[in-house]
């Protein structure tokens, strides 16, 4: 019975450690990818504004 309890405790310890490591891994990934996505989104918004302005200028010139 003692060995069985020890095995369960060992399994819980390993499981807990794996969870902690996966949590850290996800946080590290998000800390890099979220700012990148925000920059790309901002850049895309800026490009869309430039394109809209360019289209408006072309209409004014062609009229």
N, C-alpha and C. Protein backbone atom coordinates (compact mmCIF):
# COMPACT_ATOMS: atom_id res chain seq x y z
N UNK A 1 0.82 -1.20 0.00
CA UNK A 1 0.00 0.00 0.00
C UNK A 1 0.87 1.27 0.00
N UNK A 2 1.98 1.21 0.72
CA UNK A 2 2.87 2.35 0.79
C UNK A 2 3.41 2.72 -0.60
N UNK A 3 3.80 1.72 -1.39
CA UNK A 3 4.34 1.96 -2.73
C UNK A 3 3.29 2.59 -3.65
N UNK A 4 2.05 2.15 -3.51
CA UNK A 4 0.96 2.69 -4.33
C UNK A 4 0.73 4.17 -4.02
N UNK A 5 0.74 4.53 -2.75
CA UNK A 5 0.57 5.92 -2.35
C UNK A 5 1.75 6.76 -2.85
N UNK A 6 2.94 6.21 -2.76
CA UNK A 6 4.13 6.91 -3.24
C UNK A 6 4.05 7.15 -4.75
N UNK A 7 3.60 6.14 -5.50
CA UNK A 7 3.45 6.29 -6.95
C UNK A 7 2.44 7.36 -7.32
N UNK A 8 1.32 7.40 -6.58
CA UNK A 8 0.30 8.43 -6.85
C UNK A 8 0.84 9.82 -6.56
N UNK A 9 1.58 9.94 -5.46
CA UNK A 9 2.16 11.23 -5.08
C UNK A 9 3.18 11.66 -6.14
N UNK A 10 3.99 10.72 -6.59
CA UNK A 10 4.98 11.00 -7.62
C UNK A 10 4.29 11.44 -8.92
N UNK A 11 3.22 10.77 -9.29
CA UNK A 11 2.47 11.12 -10.49
C UNK A 11 1.87 12.52 -10.37
N UNK A 12 1.35 12.84 -9.21
CA UNK A 12 0.80 14.18 -8.98
C UNK A 12 1.88 15.25 -9.09
N UNK A 13 3.04 14.96 -8.55
CA UNK A 13 4.15 15.91 -8.61
C UNK A 13 4.58 16.16 -10.05
N UNK A 14 4.74 15.10 -10.80
CA UNK A 14 5.13 15.23 -12.22
C UNK A 14 4.05 15.95 -13.00
N UNK A 15 2.81 15.61 -12.77
CA UNK A 15 1.70 16.25 -13.46
C UNK A 15 1.65 17.74 -13.16
N UNK A 16 1.83 18.08 -11.90
CA UNK A 16 1.82 19.49 -11.49
C UNK A 16 2.96 20.25 -12.15
N UNK A 17 4.13 19.64 -12.19
CA UNK A 17 5.30 20.29 -12.80
C UNK A 17 5.08 20.50 -14.31
N UNK A 18 4.53 19.50 -14.97
CA UNK A 18 4.25 19.64 -16.40
C UNK A 18 3.26 20.76 -16.66
N UNK A 19 2.26 20.87 -15.79
CA UNK A 19 1.28 21.95 -15.93
C UNK A 19 1.95 23.31 -15.78
N UNK A 20 2.83 23.44 -14.77
CA UNK A 20 3.55 24.70 -14.57
C UNK A 20 4.40 25.05 -15.79
N UNK A 21 5.10 24.06 -16.32
CA UNK A 21 5.95 24.30 -17.49
C UNK A 21 5.13 24.69 -18.71
N UNK A 22 4.00 24.03 -18.91
CA UNK A 22 3.16 24.38 -20.07
C UNK A 22 2.58 25.77 -19.91
N UNK A 23 2.24 26.15 -18.68
CA UNK A 23 1.72 27.49 -18.41
C UNK A 23 2.78 28.54 -18.77
N UNK A 24 4.01 28.30 -18.33
CA UNK A 24 5.11 29.23 -18.64
C UNK A 24 5.34 29.32 -20.14
N UNK A 25 5.30 28.18 -20.80
CA UNK A 25 5.53 28.14 -22.25
C UNK A 25 4.47 28.96 -22.98
N UNK A 26 3.21 28.80 -22.58
CA UNK A 26 2.11 29.54 -23.22
C UNK A 26 2.24 31.03 -22.94
N UNK A 27 2.55 31.40 -21.69
CA UNK A 27 2.72 32.82 -21.35
C UNK A 27 3.84 33.44 -22.16
N UNK A 28 4.95 32.72 -22.29
CA UNK A 28 6.09 33.24 -23.06
C UNK A 28 5.70 33.43 -24.52
N UNK A 29 4.99 32.46 -25.08
CA UNK A 29 4.55 32.57 -26.47
C UNK A 29 3.60 33.73 -26.67
N UNK A 30 2.67 33.89 -25.76
CA UNK A 30 1.71 34.99 -25.88
C UNK A 30 2.38 36.34 -25.69
N UNK A 31 3.37 36.40 -24.80
CA UNK A 31 4.02 37.68 -24.56
C UNK A 31 4.76 38.16 -25.81
N UNK A 32 5.12 37.23 -26.70
CA UNK A 32 5.77 37.63 -27.95
C UNK A 32 4.76 37.79 -29.09
N UNK A 33 3.78 36.92 -29.15
CA UNK A 33 2.88 36.94 -30.31
C UNK A 33 1.81 38.02 -30.22
N UNK A 34 1.31 38.33 -29.04
CA UNK A 34 0.26 39.34 -28.93
C UNK A 34 0.76 40.72 -29.38
N UNK A 35 1.92 41.19 -28.90
CA UNK A 35 2.39 42.48 -29.41
C UNK A 35 2.63 42.47 -30.91
N UNK A 36 3.11 41.35 -31.44
CA UNK A 36 3.33 41.25 -32.88
C UNK A 36 2.02 41.39 -33.64
N UNK A 37 1.00 40.69 -33.18
CA UNK A 37 -0.31 40.77 -33.85
C UNK A 37 -0.86 42.19 -33.76
N UNK A 38 -0.69 42.82 -32.62
CA UNK A 38 -1.17 44.20 -32.48
C UNK A 38 -0.44 45.14 -33.43
N UNK A 39 0.88 44.96 -33.56
CA UNK A 39 1.64 45.80 -34.49
C UNK A 39 1.21 45.55 -35.93
N UNK A 40 1.02 44.28 -36.28
CA UNK A 40 0.59 43.96 -37.64
C UNK A 40 -0.79 44.53 -37.93
N UNK A 41 -1.67 44.43 -36.94
CA UNK A 41 -3.03 44.96 -37.12
C UNK A 41 -2.98 46.47 -37.30
N UNK A 42 -2.17 47.13 -36.48
CA UNK A 42 -2.05 48.59 -36.58
C UNK A 42 -1.47 48.97 -37.94
N UNK A 43 -0.46 48.22 -38.38
CA UNK A 43 0.15 48.48 -39.67
C UNK A 43 -0.86 48.27 -40.80
N UNK A 44 -1.65 47.21 -40.71
CA UNK A 44 -2.65 46.95 -41.74
C UNK A 44 -3.69 48.07 -41.77
N UNK A 45 -4.11 48.56 -40.59
CA UNK A 45 -5.06 49.66 -40.50
C UNK A 45 -4.46 50.90 -41.17
N UNK A 46 -3.17 51.15 -40.89
CA UNK A 46 -2.49 52.30 -41.47
C UNK A 46 -2.42 52.16 -42.99
N UNK A 47 -2.10 50.95 -43.48
CA UNK A 47 -2.04 50.72 -44.92
C UNK A 47 -3.40 50.93 -45.57
N UNK A 48 -4.46 50.51 -44.88
CA UNK A 48 -5.81 50.69 -45.42
C UNK A 48 -6.14 52.18 -45.53
N UNK A 49 -5.74 52.95 -44.51
CA UNK A 49 -5.99 54.38 -44.57
C UNK A 49 -5.24 55.01 -45.75
N UNK A 50 -3.98 54.59 -45.96
CA UNK A 50 -3.23 55.13 -47.09
C UNK A 50 -3.88 54.76 -48.42
N UNK A 51 -4.34 53.54 -48.53
CA UNK A 51 -5.00 53.09 -49.75
C UNK A 51 -6.28 53.88 -49.99
N UNK A 52 -7.06 54.08 -48.92
CA UNK A 52 -8.29 54.87 -49.04
C UNK A 52 -7.97 56.30 -49.50
N UNK A 53 -6.93 56.90 -48.91
CA UNK A 53 -6.55 58.25 -49.29
C UNK A 53 -6.08 58.29 -50.73
N UNK A 54 -5.33 57.27 -51.13
CA UNK A 54 -4.84 57.20 -52.50
C UNK A 54 -6.01 57.10 -53.48
N UNK A 55 -6.98 56.28 -53.16
CA UNK A 55 -8.16 56.13 -54.03
C UNK A 55 -8.93 57.44 -54.12
N UNK A 56 -9.07 58.16 -53.02
CA UNK A 56 -9.76 59.43 -53.03
C UNK A 56 -9.00 60.44 -53.88
N UNK A 57 -7.68 60.46 -53.75
CA UNK A 57 -6.87 61.39 -54.55
C UNK A 57 -6.98 61.07 -56.03
N UNK A 58 -7.01 59.80 -56.38
CA UNK A 58 -7.13 59.43 -57.79
C UNK A 58 -8.48 59.87 -58.36
N UNK A 59 -9.53 59.80 -57.55
CA UNK A 59 -10.84 60.26 -58.01
C UNK A 59 -10.84 61.75 -58.24
N UNK A 60 -10.18 62.48 -57.34
CA UNK A 60 -10.13 63.94 -57.46
C UNK A 60 -9.34 64.32 -58.70
N UNK A 61 -8.22 63.65 -58.94
CA UNK A 61 -7.38 63.96 -60.09
C UNK A 61 -8.08 63.63 -61.40
N UNK A 62 -8.80 62.51 -61.42
CA UNK A 62 -9.43 62.08 -62.68
C UNK A 62 -10.68 62.86 -63.02
N UNK A 63 -11.24 63.61 -62.09
CA UNK A 63 -12.47 64.36 -62.36
C UNK A 63 -12.22 65.61 -63.07
